[in-house]
Protein backbone atom coordinates (compact mmCIF):
# COMPACT_ATOMS: atom_id res chain seq x y z
CA MET A 1 86.27 -58.90 -14.89
CA SER A 2 83.26 -61.21 -14.95
CA PRO A 3 80.69 -61.22 -12.16
CA GLN A 4 81.12 -63.99 -9.66
CA ASN A 5 78.40 -66.53 -9.08
CA THR A 6 77.16 -66.85 -5.53
CA TYR A 7 76.13 -69.96 -3.68
CA GLN A 8 74.88 -70.89 -0.23
CA VAL A 9 77.03 -72.61 2.39
CA ARG A 10 76.59 -73.61 6.01
CA PHE A 11 79.77 -73.39 8.09
CA LYS A 12 80.83 -75.97 10.66
CA LEU A 13 83.32 -74.94 13.33
CA HIS A 14 85.24 -77.46 15.46
CA PRO A 15 87.96 -77.07 18.10
CA ASP A 16 91.40 -77.77 16.66
CA PRO A 17 92.87 -80.66 18.66
CA SER A 18 96.43 -79.79 17.61
CA HIS A 19 96.20 -76.10 18.67
CA PRO A 20 94.58 -75.26 22.03
CA GLY A 21 92.26 -72.30 21.51
CA GLY A 22 92.27 -72.85 17.75
CA TYR A 23 89.45 -73.80 15.41
CA ILE A 24 88.89 -75.77 12.21
CA LEU A 25 86.30 -74.32 9.82
CA GLN A 26 84.56 -76.52 7.25
CA TYR A 27 81.47 -76.01 5.14
CA GLU A 28 78.62 -77.73 3.34
CA ARG A 29 77.13 -76.34 0.12
CA ILE A 30 73.41 -75.84 0.48
CA GLY A 31 71.28 -76.68 -2.52
CA ASP A 32 73.60 -79.36 -3.88
CA ILE A 33 71.78 -82.54 -4.75
CA THR A 34 74.26 -84.68 -2.83
CA HIS A 35 74.66 -82.55 0.35
CA ILE A 36 78.18 -83.84 0.89
CA ASP A 37 80.45 -81.97 3.28
CA SER A 38 83.43 -80.39 1.61
CA PRO A 39 86.77 -82.01 2.47
CA LEU A 40 88.32 -78.53 2.45
CA LYS A 41 89.11 -76.91 5.76
CA SER A 42 90.62 -73.74 7.09
CA VAL A 43 92.51 -73.54 10.40
CA PHE A 44 92.44 -70.54 12.74
CA ARG A 45 94.61 -70.22 15.83
CA SER A 46 92.10 -68.00 17.68
CA LEU A 47 88.62 -66.50 17.54
CA VAL A 48 90.22 -63.13 16.71
CA GLN A 49 91.85 -64.64 13.61
CA LEU A 50 88.53 -66.27 12.68
CA GLU A 51 86.60 -63.00 13.03
CA GLY A 52 89.23 -61.16 10.98
CA ALA A 53 88.92 -63.66 8.14
CA PHE A 54 85.12 -63.29 8.09
CA LEU A 55 85.43 -59.49 8.03
CA LYS A 56 87.97 -59.67 5.18
CA ALA A 57 85.56 -61.90 3.24
CA GLY A 58 82.72 -59.43 3.85
CA LEU A 59 80.69 -61.88 5.94
CA TYR A 60 79.32 -60.36 9.12
CA LEU A 61 78.53 -62.68 12.01
CA HIS A 62 76.52 -60.18 14.05
CA SER A 63 73.35 -58.23 13.47
CA PHE A 64 74.23 -54.54 13.70
CA ASP A 65 70.64 -53.29 13.99
CA SER A 66 70.32 -54.21 17.67
CA SER A 67 72.44 -55.05 20.67
CA ASP A 68 73.25 -58.75 20.70
CA THR A 69 75.49 -59.47 23.65
CA GLY A 70 74.73 -63.20 23.72
CA ARG A 71 76.47 -64.04 20.42
CA ASP A 72 80.16 -64.46 19.80
CA VAL A 73 82.20 -64.39 16.59
CA ARG A 74 81.50 -67.98 15.62
CA PRO A 75 79.40 -68.59 12.51
CA ASP A 76 75.88 -69.79 13.23
CA PRO A 77 75.71 -73.51 12.26
CA GLU A 78 71.99 -73.12 11.44
CA GLN A 79 72.41 -70.12 9.12
CA ASP A 80 73.05 -70.28 5.38
CA TYR A 81 75.62 -67.76 4.14
CA GLU A 82 75.72 -66.48 0.56
CA VAL A 83 79.33 -66.54 -0.68
CA THR A 84 81.51 -66.30 -3.76
CA ASN A 85 84.70 -68.22 -4.51
CA LYS A 86 86.70 -65.11 -3.59
CA MET A 87 85.01 -64.91 -0.20
CA MET A 88 85.80 -68.57 0.42
CA ARG A 89 89.46 -67.96 -0.53
CA ASP A 90 89.51 -65.00 1.90
CA LEU A 91 88.39 -67.47 4.58
CA GLY A 92 91.40 -69.67 3.78
CA PHE A 93 89.77 -72.35 1.65
CA ASP A 94 91.74 -73.60 -1.37
CA ILE A 95 89.13 -72.71 -4.00
CA PRO A 96 90.41 -72.51 -7.60
CA ASP A 97 90.01 -69.29 -9.59
């Protein structure tokens, strides 16, 4: 098994107009010369499903070193996340092996 390369992304979360209470997650690769948003998207029917996908991918949306009651489970649109292709697949994106 070869080590996976990591890269930086910034997630964008939008309400899903076809599912009340649902969300559409998209991302932009940080560091790309073009800075083009990815056409790929992942759909979640609830914030619970979204949080579960981030936990499965090993991406934590909260700081565990202090109490942070003001944040919810949504990814921070101003934060860059270091990911692998496997993590992105765990989030529901159709990333090839």
